[in-house]
Amino acid sequence: MDWNRVQGNWKQFKGKVKARWGRFTDDELESVAGKRDELSGRIQEQYGVTKDEAEKQIKEFEKKVDREKH
């Protein structure tokens, strides 16, 4: 997944992120603004997981989104 494209199309991706990590508020999603490292940090904070676990979840999310495109 190209995170530069995600940043450029954040409004479209925001709903998918919210569907996956439902605890995020709209304000939190706005602050993420398509930045992968920011998303990772928010997942760690909101869900109380390690950085490795947050990265694992993001990678799984990326695979799912990529599959949906094809």
PDB file of N, CA and C in Angstrom:
ATOM      1  N   MET A   1       0.854  -1.174   0.000  1.00  0.00           N
ATOM      2  CA  MET A   1       0.000   0.000   0.000  1.00  0.00           C
ATOM      3  C   MET A   1       0.898   1.236   0.000  1.00  0.00           C
ATOM      4  N   ASP A   2       0.566   2.165  -0.859  1.00  0.00           N
ATOM      5  CA  ASP A   2       1.322   3.405  -0.973  1.00  0.00           C
ATOM      6  C   ASP A   2       0.711   4.446  -0.032  1.00  0.00           C
ATOM      7  N   TRP A   3       1.412   4.739   1.048  1.00  0.00           N
ATOM      8  CA  TRP A   3       0.855   5.651   2.053  1.00  0.00           C
ATOM      9  C   TRP A   3       0.831   7.098   1.580  1.00  0.00           C
ATOM     10  N   ASN A   4       1.603   7.415   0.544  1.00  0.00           N
ATOM     11  CA  ASN A   4       1.476   8.751  -0.041  1.00  0.00           C
ATOM     12  C   ASN A   4       0.097   8.902  -0.696  1.00  0.00           C
ATOM     13  N   ARG A   5      -0.363   7.837  -1.348  1.00  0.00           N
ATOM     14  CA  ARG A   5      -1.717   7.848  -1.931  1.00  0.00           C
ATOM     15  C   ARG A   5      -2.775   7.883  -0.834  1.00  0.00           C
ATOM     16  N   VAL A   6      -2.512   7.164   0.242  1.00  0.00           N
ATOM     17  CA  VAL A   6      -3.467   7.162   1.362  1.00  0.00           C
ATOM     18  C   VAL A   6      -3.627   8.587   1.890  1.00  0.00           C
ATOM     19  N   GLN A   7      -2.501   9.278   2.075  1.00  0.00           N
ATOM     20  CA  GLN A   7      -2.583  10.655   2.565  1.00  0.00           C
ATOM     21  C   GLN A   7      -3.385  11.525   1.608  1.00  0.00           C
ATOM     22  N   GLY A   8      -3.165  11.355   0.320  1.00  0.00           N
ATOM     23  CA  GLY A   8      -3.869  12.149  -0.665  1.00  0.00           C
ATOM     24  C   GLY A   8      -5.355  11.845  -0.746  1.00  0.00           C
ATOM     25  N   ASN A   9      -5.727  10.630  -0.376  1.00  0.00           N
ATOM     26  CA  ASN A   9      -7.132  10.193  -0.424  1.00  0.00           C
ATOM     27  C   ASN A   9      -7.652   9.853   0.969  1.00  0.00           C
ATOM     28  N   TRP A  10      -7.207  10.575   1.961  1.00  0.00           N
ATOM     29  CA  TRP A  10      -7.510  10.226   3.344  1.00  0.00           C
ATOM     30  C   TRP A  10      -9.005  10.172   3.621  1.00  0.00           C
ATOM     31  N   LYS A  11      -9.776  11.058   3.028  1.00  0.00           N
ATOM     32  CA  LYS A  11     -11.223  11.051   3.283  1.00  0.00           C
ATOM     33  C   LYS A  11     -11.837   9.710   2.892  1.00  0.00           C
ATOM     34  N   GLN A  12     -11.348   9.099   1.821  1.00  0.00           N
ATOM     35  CA  GLN A  12     -11.864   7.804   1.390  1.00  0.00           C
ATOM     36  C   GLN A  12     -11.387   6.683   2.311  1.00  0.00           C
ATOM     37  N   PHE A  13     -10.144   6.751   2.750  1.00  0.00           N
ATOM     38  CA  PHE A  13      -9.592   5.690   3.587  1.00  0.00           C
ATOM     39  C   PHE A  13     -10.052   5.781   5.042  1.00  0.00           C
ATOM     40  N   LYS A  14     -10.410   6.970   5.450  1.00  0.00           N
ATOM     41  CA  LYS A  14     -10.792   7.194   6.846  1.00  0.00           C
ATOM     42  C   LYS A  14     -11.902   6.253   7.285  1.00  0.00           C
ATOM     43  N   GLY A  15     -12.884   6.034   6.431  1.00  0.00           N
ATOM     44  CA  GLY A  15     -13.989   5.137   6.766  1.00  0.00           C
ATOM     45  C   GLY A  15     -13.518   3.711   6.964  1.00  0.00           C
ATOM     46  N   LYS A  16     -12.577   3.269   6.155  1.00  0.00           N
ATOM     47  CA  LYS A  16     -12.035   1.914   6.301  1.00  0.00           C
ATOM     48  C   LYS A  16     -11.249   1.781   7.600  1.00  0.00           C
ATOM     49  N   VAL A  17     -10.502   2.821   7.930  1.00  0.00           N
ATOM     50  CA  VAL A  17      -9.745   2.811   9.185  1.00  0.00           C
ATOM     51  C   VAL A  17     -10.715   2.796  10.365  1.00  0.00           C
ATOM     52  N   LYS A  18     -11.749   3.599  10.285  1.00  0.00           N
ATOM     53  CA  LYS A  18     -12.756   3.656  11.366  1.00  0.00           C
ATOM     54  C   LYS A  18     -13.473   2.315  11.507  1.00  0.00           C
ATOM     55  N   ALA A  19     -13.724   1.651  10.379  1.00  0.00           N
ATOM     56  CA  ALA A  19     -14.375   0.339  10.438  1.00  0.00           C
ATOM     57  C   ALA A  19     -13.467  -0.682  11.115  1.00  0.00           C
ATOM     58  N   ARG A  20     -12.173  -0.582  10.897  1.00  0.00           N
ATOM     59  CA  ARG A  20     -11.225  -1.542  11.480  1.00  0.00           C
ATOM     60  C   ARG A  20     -10.923  -1.229  12.938  1.00  0.00           C
ATOM     61  N   TRP A  21     -10.685   0.049  13.242  1.00  0.00           N
ATOM     62  CA  TRP A  21     -10.349   0.479  14.602  1.00  0.00           C
ATOM     63  C   TRP A  21     -11.430   1.454  15.063  1.00  0.00           C
ATOM     64  N   GLY A  22     -12.541   0.907  15.506  1.00  0.00           N
ATOM     65  CA  GLY A  22     -13.730   1.686  15.814  1.00  0.00           C
ATOM     66  C   GLY A  22     -13.650   2.606  17.015  1.00  0.00           C
ATOM     67  N   ARG A  23     -12.624   2.473  17.827  1.00  0.00           N
ATOM     68  CA  ARG A  23     -12.518   3.344  19.002  1.00  0.00           C
ATOM     69  C   ARG A  23     -12.053   4.751  18.665  1.00  0.00           C
ATOM     70  N   PHE A  24     -11.531   4.943  17.456  1.00  0.00           N
ATOM     71  CA  PHE A  24     -11.017   6.260  17.091  1.00  0.00           C
ATOM     72  C   PHE A  24     -12.146   7.261  16.937  1.00  0.00           C
ATOM     73  N   THR A  25     -11.909   8.450  17.467  1.00  0.00           N
ATOM     74  CA  THR A  25     -12.858   9.542  17.254  1.00  0.00           C
ATOM     75  C   THR A  25     -12.554  10.185  15.901  1.00  0.00           C
ATOM     76  N   ASP A  26     -13.485  10.968  15.421  1.00  0.00           N
ATOM     77  CA  ASP A  26     -13.251  11.680  14.165  1.00  0.00           C
ATOM     78  C   ASP A  26     -12.052  12.620  14.284  1.00  0.00           C
ATOM     79  N   ASP A  27     -11.898  13.253  15.440  1.00  0.00           N
ATOM     80  CA  ASP A  27     -10.750  14.145  15.650  1.00  0.00           C
ATOM     81  C   ASP A  27      -9.436  13.380  15.580  1.00  0.00           C
ATOM     82  N   GLU A  28      -9.400  12.192  16.174  1.00  0.00           N
ATOM     83  CA  GLU A  28      -8.184  11.380  16.109  1.00  0.00           C
ATOM     84  C   GLU A  28      -7.862  10.997  14.672  1.00  0.00           C
ATOM     85  N   LEU A  29      -8.895  10.636  13.926  1.00  0.00           N
ATOM     86  CA  LEU A  29      -8.681  10.272  12.528  1.00  0.00           C
ATOM     87  C   LEU A  29      -8.202  11.468  11.710  1.00  0.00           C
ATOM     88  N   GLU A  30      -8.715  12.640  12.021  1.00  0.00           N
ATOM     89  CA  GLU A  30      -8.249  13.847  11.333  1.00  0.00           C
ATOM     90  C   GLU A  30      -6.773  14.085  11.622  1.00  0.00           C
ATOM     91  N   SER A  31      -6.345  13.851  12.864  1.00  0.00           N
ATOM     92  CA  SER A  31      -4.940  14.085  13.205  1.00  0.00           C
ATOM     93  C   SER A  31      -4.022  13.047  12.571  1.00  0.00           C
ATOM     94  N   VAL A  32      -4.528  11.851  12.316  1.00  0.00           N
ATOM     95  CA  VAL A  32      -3.734  10.825  11.629  1.00  0.00           C
ATOM     96  C   VAL A  32      -3.453  11.295  10.198  1.00  0.00           C
ATOM     97  N   ALA A  33      -4.475  11.791   9.541  1.00  0.00           N
ATOM     98  CA  ALA A  33      -4.361  12.378   8.196  1.00  0.00           C
ATOM     99  C   ALA A  33      -3.583  11.518   7.213  1.00  0.00           C
ATOM    100  N   GLY A  34      -3.712  10.207   7.338  1.00  0.00           N
ATOM    101  CA  GLY A  34      -3.070   9.315   6.382  1.00  0.00           C
ATOM    102  C   GLY A  34      -1.627   8.997   6.664  1.00  0.00           C
ATOM    103  N   LYS A  35      -1.120   9.436   7.812  1.00  0.00           N
ATOM    104  CA  LYS A  35       0.280   9.165   8.156  1.00  0.00           C
ATOM    105  C   LYS A  35       0.371   7.828   8.892  1.00  0.00           C
ATOM    106  N   ARG A  36       1.117   6.907   8.319  1.00  0.00           N
ATOM    107  CA  ARG A  36       1.205   5.546   8.854  1.00  0.00           C
ATOM    108  C   ARG A  36       1.761   5.531  10.275  1.00  0.00           C
ATOM    109  N   ASP A  37       2.822   6.298  10.527  1.00  0.00           N
ATOM    110  CA  ASP A  37       3.424   6.304  11.861  1.00  0.00           C
ATOM    111  C   ASP A  37       2.481   6.887  12.904  1.00  0.00           C
ATOM    112  N   GLU A  38       1.696   7.871  12.494  1.00  0.00           N
ATOM    113  CA  GLU A  38       0.696   8.452  13.397  1.00  0.00           C
ATOM    114  C   GLU A  38      -0.396   7.425  13.707  1.00  0.00           C
ATOM    115  N   LEU A  39      -0.817   6.685  12.697  1.00  0.00           N
ATOM    116  CA  LEU A  39      -1.818   5.636  12.902  1.00  0.00           C
ATOM    117  C   LEU A  39      -1.292   4.582  13.872  1.00  0.00           C
ATOM    118  N   SER A  40      -0.051   4.185  13.690  1.00  0.00           N
ATOM    119  CA  SER A  40       0.557   3.196  14.576  1.00  0.00           C
ATOM    120  C   SER A  40       0.546   3.679  16.027  1.00  0.00           C
ATOM    121  N   GLY A  41       0.943   4.920  16.236  1.00  0.00           N
ATOM    122  CA  GLY A  41       0.953   5.483  17.593  1.00  0.00           C
ATOM    123  C   GLY A  41      -0.433   5.545  18.205  1.00  0.00           C
ATOM    124  N   ARG A  42      -1.410   5.920  17.400  1.00  0.00           N
ATOM    125  CA  ARG A  42      -2.798   5.989  17.897  1.00  0.00           C
ATOM    126  C   ARG A  42      -3.330   4.605  18.265  1.00  0.00           C
ATOM    127  N   ILE A  43      -2.986   3.605  17.464  1.00  0.00           N
ATOM    128  CA  ILE A  43      -3.412   2.236  17.780  1.00  0.00           C
ATOM    129  C   ILE A  43      -2.796   1.803  19.101  1.00  0.00           C
ATOM    130  N   GLN A  44      -1.528   2.097  19.278  1.00  0.00           N
ATOM    131  CA  GLN A  44      -0.857   1.729  20.529  1.00  0.00           C
ATOM    132  C   GLN A  44      -1.540   2.377  21.727  1.00  0.00           C
ATOM    133  N   GLU A  45      -1.833   3.665  21.613  1.00  0.00           N
ATOM    134  CA  GLU A  45      -2.480   4.390  22.712  1.00  0.00           C
ATOM    135  C   GLU A  45      -3.897   3.903  22.974  1.00  0.00           C
ATOM    136  N   GLN A  46      -4.693   3.828  21.916  1.00  0.00           N
ATOM    137  CA  GLN A  46      -6.120   3.533  22.050  1.00  0.00           C
ATOM    138  C   GLN A  46      -6.392   2.088  22.474  1.00  0.00           C
ATOM    139  N   TYR A  47      -5.549   1.170  21.997  1.00  0.00           N
ATOM    140  CA  TYR A  47      -5.806  -0.253  22.247  1.00  0.00           C
ATOM    141  C   TYR A  47      -4.810  -0.877  23.224  1.00  0.00           C
ATOM    142  N   GLY A  48      -3.837  -0.105  23.700  1.00  0.00           N
ATOM    143  CA  GLY A  48      -2.894  -0.610  24.688  1.00  0.00           C
ATOM    144  C   GLY A  48      -2.042  -1.763  24.184  1.00  0.00           C
ATOM    145  N   VAL A  49      -1.603  -1.658  22.927  1.00  0.00           N
ATOM    146  CA  VAL A  49      -0.785  -2.718  22.340  1.00  0.00           C
ATOM    147  C   VAL A  49       0.635  -2.199  22.109  1.00  0.00           C
ATOM    148  N   THR A  50       1.543  -3.141  21.867  1.00  0.00           N
ATOM    149  CA  THR A  50       2.927  -2.777  21.591  1.00  0.00           C
ATOM    150  C   THR A  50       3.045  -2.221  20.184  1.00  0.00           C
ATOM    151  N   LYS A  51       4.191  -1.610  19.922  1.00  0.00           N
ATOM    152  CA  LYS A  51       4.446  -1.101  18.575  1.00  0.00           C
ATOM    153  C   LYS A  51       4.419  -2.244  17.562  1.00  0.00           C
ATOM    154  N   ASP A  52       5.014  -3.387  17.935  1.00  0.00           N
ATOM    155  CA  ASP A  52       5.028  -4.540  17.028  1.00  0.00           C
ATOM    156  C   ASP A  52       3.610  -5.012  16.702  1.00  0.00           C
ATOM    157  N   GLU A  53       2.753  -5.039  17.708  1.00  0.00           N
ATOM    158  CA  GLU A  53       1.370  -5.463  17.487  1.00  0.00           C
ATOM    159  C   GLU A  53       0.630  -4.456  16.609  1.00  0.00           C
ATOM    160  N   ALA A  54       0.850  -3.175  16.848  1.00  0.00           N
ATOM    161  CA  ALA A  54       0.209  -2.150  16.025  1.00  0.00           C
ATOM    162  C   ALA A  54       0.661  -2.288  14.574  1.00  0.00           C
ATOM    163  N   GLU A  55       1.938  -2.515  14.367  1.00  0.00           N
ATOM    164  CA  GLU A  55       2.463  -2.687  13.009  1.00  0.00           C
ATOM    165  C   GLU A  55       1.864  -3.926  12.349  1.00  0.00           C
ATOM    166  N   LYS A  56       1.701  -4.988  13.116  1.00  0.00           N
ATOM    167  CA  LYS A  56       1.095  -6.222  12.593  1.00  0.00           C
ATOM    168  C   LYS A  56      -0.339  -5.944  12.145  1.00  0.00           C
ATOM    169  N   GLN A  57      -1.086  -5.219  12.965  1.00  0.00           N
ATOM    170  CA  GLN A  57      -2.467  -4.896  12.620  1.00  0.00           C
ATOM    171  C   GLN A  57      -2.543  -4.035  11.361  1.00  0.00           C
ATOM    172  N   ILE A  58      -1.623  -3.088  11.232  1.00  0.00           N
ATOM    173  CA  ILE A  58      -1.619  -2.224  10.050  1.00  0.00           C
ATOM    174  C   ILE A  58      -1.298  -3.043   8.806  1.00  0.00           C
ATOM    175  N   LYS A  59      -0.337  -3.951   8.905  1.00  0.00           N
ATOM    176  CA  LYS A  59       0.017  -4.796   7.756  1.00  0.00           C
ATOM    177  C   LYS A  59      -1.171  -5.660   7.332  1.00  0.00           C
ATOM    178  N   GLU A  60      -1.898  -6.211   8.298  1.00  0.00           N
ATOM    179  CA  GLU A  60      -3.091  -7.001   7.984  1.00  0.00           C
ATOM    180  C   GLU A  60      -4.142  -6.118   7.307  1.00  0.00           C
ATOM    181  N   PHE A  61      -4.304  -4.909   7.797  1.00  0.00           N
ATOM    182  CA  PHE A  61      -5.243  -3.953   7.214  1.00  0.00           C
ATOM    183  C   PHE A  61      -4.844  -3.634   5.773  1.00  0.00           C
ATOM    184  N   GLU A  62      -3.564  -3.401   5.540  1.00  0.00           N
ATOM    185  CA  GLU A  62      -3.075  -3.095   4.196  1.00  0.00           C
ATOM    186  C   GLU A  62      -3.392  -4.236   3.233  1.00  0.00           C
ATOM    187  N   LYS A  63      -3.144  -5.464   3.671  1.00  0.00           N
ATOM    188  CA  LYS A  63      -3.428  -6.627   2.822  1.00  0.00           C
ATOM    189  C   LYS A  63      -4.910  -6.698   2.479  1.00  0.00           C
ATOM    190  N   LYS A  64      -5.757  -6.455   3.480  1.00  0.00           N
ATOM    191  CA  LYS A  64      -7.206  -6.511   3.256  1.00  0.00           C
ATOM    192  C   LYS A  64      -7.641  -5.448   2.251  1.00  0.00           C
ATOM    193  N   VAL A  65      -7.153  -4.241   2.413  1.00  0.00           N
ATOM    194  CA  VAL A  65      -7.521  -3.148   1.514  1.00  0.00           C
ATOM    195  C   VAL A  65      -7.010  -3.431   0.102  1.00  0.00           C
ATOM    196  N   ASP A  66      -5.791  -3.960   0.002  1.00  0.00           N
ATOM    197  CA  ASP A  66      -5.243  -4.296  -1.312  1.00  0.00           C
ATOM    198  C   ASP A  66      -6.083  -5.373  -1.999  1.00  0.00           C
ATOM    199  N   ARG A  67      -6.557  -6.364  -1.237  1.00  0.00           N
ATOM    200  CA  ARG A  67      -7.398  -7.416  -1.809  1.00  0.00           C
ATOM    201  C   ARG A  67      -8.729  -6.856  -2.295  1.00  0.00           C
ATOM    202  N   GLU A  68      -9.257  -5.881  -1.576  1.00  0.00           N
ATOM    203  CA  GLU A  68     -10.537  -5.285  -1.964  1.00  0.00           C
ATOM    204  C   GLU A  68     -10.430  -4.516  -3.273  1.00  0.00           C
ATOM    205  N   LYS A  69      -9.256  -4.011  -3.581  1.00  0.00           N
ATOM    206  CA  LYS A  69      -9.057  -3.254  -4.817  1.00  0.00           C
ATOM    207  C   LYS A  69      -9.092  -4.161  -6.042  1.00  0.00           C
ATOM    208  N   HIS A  70      -8.738  -5.440  -5.862  1.00  0.00           N
ATOM    209  CA  HIS A  70      -8.617  -6.344  -7.015  1.00  0.00           C
ATOM    210  C   HIS A  70      -9.826  -7.216  -7.172  1.00  0.00           C
TER     211      HIS A  70
END
